[in-house]
Amino acid sequence: MAFGRRNRRPSLLGTAARTAVIAGTATAASNAVNNKAAGQQAAAQQAQMLPVPAVAQAPAAAPADDLLSKLERLAALHASGALTDAEFVAVKASIIS
């Protein structure tokens, strides 16, 4: 005669342990997703709050100074991220020509 459990169902303690592991894993995954979303929101808000660099207006002088000031303003916009590389090249070509 065999001793021990005759049915193959998990014990109450085994079921509780398995449930705790599943719940803990789900909580950890949920927290990771929430933390990532919060980080992305914070980055987006900070990007919106970045100050736009002020470009000093030079008094109107010779045309060469005007061309130089336009190119400097264009470079500042490109450096701040307001213009893409393609836009920068296109506007620069139109200013020079």
C-alpha atoms as a PDB file:
ATOM      1  CA  MET A   1       0.000   0.000   0.000  1.00  0.00           C
ATOM      2  CA  ALA A   2       1.379   3.390  -0.998  1.00  0.00           C
ATOM      3  CA  PHE A   3       1.530   6.252   1.425  1.00  0.00           C
ATOM      4  CA  GLY A   4       1.257   9.904   0.518  1.00  0.00           C
ATOM      5  CA  ARG A   5      -1.025  11.842  -1.716  1.00  0.00           C
ATOM      6  CA  ARG A   6      -3.256   9.949  -4.058  1.00  0.00           C
ATOM      7  CA  ASN A   7      -4.595  12.838  -6.090  1.00  0.00           C
ATOM      8  CA  ARG A   8      -2.374  14.868  -8.387  1.00  0.00           C
ATOM      9  CA  ARG A   9      -3.796  18.275  -7.580  1.00  0.00           C
ATOM     10  CA  PRO A  10      -1.394  20.890  -6.197  1.00  0.00           C
ATOM     11  CA  SER A  11      -1.543  21.547  -2.495  1.00  0.00           C
ATOM     12  CA  LEU A  12      -3.063  24.672  -1.037  1.00  0.00           C
ATOM     13  CA  LEU A  13       0.396  25.955  -0.081  1.00  0.00           C
ATOM     14  CA  GLY A  14       1.736  25.306  -3.590  1.00  0.00           C
ATOM     15  CA  THR A  15      -1.195  27.145  -5.142  1.00  0.00           C
ATOM     16  CA  ALA A  16      -0.713  30.121  -2.820  1.00  0.00           C
ATOM     17  CA  ALA A  17       3.022  30.254  -3.592  1.00  0.00           C
ATOM     18  CA  ARG A  18       2.404  30.098  -7.343  1.00  0.00           C
ATOM     19  CA  THR A  19      -0.204  32.867  -7.079  1.00  0.00           C
ATOM     20  CA  ALA A  20       2.220  35.041  -5.089  1.00  0.00           C
ATOM     21  CA  VAL A  21       4.946  34.601  -7.706  1.00  0.00           C
ATOM     22  CA  ILE A  22       2.551  35.470 -10.549  1.00  0.00           C
ATOM     23  CA  ALA A  23       1.208  38.520  -8.698  1.00  0.00           C
ATOM     24  CA  GLY A  24       4.731  39.711  -7.865  1.00  0.00           C
ATOM     25  CA  THR A  25       5.848  39.344 -11.471  1.00  0.00           C
ATOM     26  CA  ALA A  26       2.795  41.222 -12.730  1.00  0.00           C
ATOM     27  CA  THR A  27       3.395  44.027 -10.227  1.00  0.00           C
ATOM     28  CA  ALA A  28       7.051  44.329 -11.214  1.00  0.00           C
ATOM     29  CA  ALA A  29       6.162  44.436 -14.918  1.00  0.00           C
ATOM     30  CA  SER A  30       3.450  47.027 -14.312  1.00  0.00           C
ATOM     31  CA  ASN A  31       5.820  49.208 -12.288  1.00  0.00           C
ATOM     32  CA  ALA A  32       8.453  49.007 -15.020  1.00  0.00           C
ATOM     33  CA  VAL A  33       5.947  50.118 -17.661  1.00  0.00           C
ATOM     34  CA  ASN A  34       4.692  52.962 -15.466  1.00  0.00           C
ATOM     35  CA  ASN A  35       8.232  54.150 -14.677  1.00  0.00           C
ATOM     36  CA  LYS A  36       9.159  54.155 -18.361  1.00  0.00           C
ATOM     37  CA  ALA A  37       6.032  56.139 -19.263  1.00  0.00           C
ATOM     38  CA  ALA A  38       6.711  58.629 -16.452  1.00  0.00           C
ATOM     39  CA  GLY A  39      10.282  59.076 -17.670  1.00  0.00           C
ATOM     40  CA  GLN A  40       9.104  59.720 -21.209  1.00  0.00           C
ATOM     41  CA  GLN A  41       6.539  62.255 -19.983  1.00  0.00           C
ATOM     42  CA  ALA A  42       9.155  64.048 -17.906  1.00  0.00           C
ATOM     43  CA  ALA A  43      11.529  64.183 -20.869  1.00  0.00           C
ATOM     44  CA  ALA A  44       8.781  65.553 -23.111  1.00  0.00           C
ATOM     45  CA  GLN A  45       7.838  68.218 -20.564  1.00  0.00           C
ATOM     46  CA  GLN A  46      11.448  69.225 -20.087  1.00  0.00           C
ATOM     47  CA  ALA A  47      11.928  69.456 -23.854  1.00  0.00           C
ATOM     48  CA  GLN A  48       8.962  71.824 -24.032  1.00  0.00           C
ATOM     49  CA  MET A  49      10.385  73.959 -21.226  1.00  0.00           C
ATOM     50  CA  LEU A  50      13.864  74.387 -22.725  1.00  0.00           C
ATOM     51  CA  PRO A  51      14.588  78.065 -23.278  1.00  0.00           C
ATOM     52  CA  VAL A  52      14.934  79.155 -26.864  1.00  0.00           C
ATOM     53  CA  PRO A  53      18.278  80.897 -27.280  1.00  0.00           C
ATOM     54  CA  ALA A  54      17.837  84.584 -27.953  1.00  0.00           C
ATOM     55  CA  VAL A  55      19.478  85.783 -31.103  1.00  0.00           C
ATOM     56  CA  ALA A  56      20.887  89.288 -30.781  1.00  0.00           C
ATOM     57  CA  GLN A  57      19.862  91.675 -33.521  1.00  0.00           C
ATOM     58  CA  ALA A  58      22.849  93.498 -34.963  1.00  0.00           C
ATOM     59  CA  PRO A  59      22.289  96.998 -36.258  1.00  0.00           C
ATOM     60  CA  ALA A  60      21.934  97.189 -40.006  1.00  0.00           C
ATOM     61  CA  ALA A  61      25.375  97.693 -41.474  1.00  0.00           C
ATOM     62  CA  ALA A  62      26.965  96.515 -44.685  1.00  0.00           C
ATOM     63  CA  PRO A  63      25.364  93.694 -46.744  1.00  0.00           C
ATOM     64  CA  ALA A  64      28.207  91.350 -45.771  1.00  0.00           C
ATOM     65  CA  ASP A  65      27.295  91.815 -42.094  1.00  0.00           C
ATOM     66  CA  ASP A  66      23.660  91.167 -42.928  1.00  0.00           C
ATOM     67  CA  LEU A  67      24.554  87.903 -44.673  1.00  0.00           C
ATOM     68  CA  LEU A  68      26.729  86.902 -41.745  1.00  0.00           C
ATOM     69  CA  SER A  69      24.027  87.673 -39.193  1.00  0.00           C
ATOM     70  CA  LYS A  70      21.471  85.651 -41.169  1.00  0.00           C
ATOM     71  CA  LEU A  71      23.839  82.694 -41.303  1.00  0.00           C
ATOM     72  CA  GLU A  72      24.546  83.010 -37.560  1.00  0.00           C
ATOM     73  CA  ARG A  73      20.817  83.060 -36.752  1.00  0.00           C
ATOM     74  CA  LEU A  74      20.304  80.068 -39.033  1.00  0.00           C
ATOM     75  CA  ALA A  75      23.134  78.180 -37.307  1.00  0.00           C
ATOM     76  CA  ALA A  76      21.625  78.987 -33.900  1.00  0.00           C
ATOM     77  CA  LEU A  77      18.239  77.631 -34.981  1.00  0.00           C
ATOM     78  CA  HIS A  78      19.892  74.495 -36.327  1.00  0.00           C
ATOM     79  CA  ALA A  79      21.902  74.008 -33.115  1.00  0.00           C
ATOM     80  CA  SER A  80      18.788  74.394 -30.955  1.00  0.00           C
ATOM     81  CA  GLY A  81      17.010  71.705 -32.970  1.00  0.00           C
ATOM     82  CA  ALA A  82      14.408  73.989 -34.506  1.00  0.00           C
ATOM     83  CA  LEU A  83      15.676  73.124 -37.998  1.00  0.00           C
ATOM     84  CA  THR A  84      16.493  69.709 -39.405  1.00  0.00           C
ATOM     85  CA  ASP A  85      19.668  69.123 -41.385  1.00  0.00           C
ATOM     86  CA  ALA A  86      17.769  69.212 -44.677  1.00  0.00           C
ATOM     87  CA  GLU A  87      15.997  72.470 -43.794  1.00  0.00           C
ATOM     88  CA  PHE A  88      19.280  74.007 -42.666  1.00  0.00           C
ATOM     89  CA  VAL A  89      21.001  73.158 -45.949  1.00  0.00           C
ATOM     90  CA  ALA A  90      18.076  74.431 -48.042  1.00  0.00           C
ATOM     91  CA  VAL A  91      17.759  77.766 -46.221  1.00  0.00           C
ATOM     92  CA  LYS A  92      21.539  78.254 -46.148  1.00  0.00           C
ATOM     93  CA  ALA A  93      21.681  77.763 -49.927  1.00  0.00           C
ATOM     94  CA  SER A  94      18.896  80.295 -50.445  1.00  0.00           C
ATOM     95  CA  ILE A  95      20.636  82.856 -48.195  1.00  0.00           C
ATOM     96  CA  ILE A  96      24.007  82.456 -49.903  1.00  0.00           C
ATOM     97  CA  SER A  97      22.591  82.662 -53.426  1.00  0.00           C
END
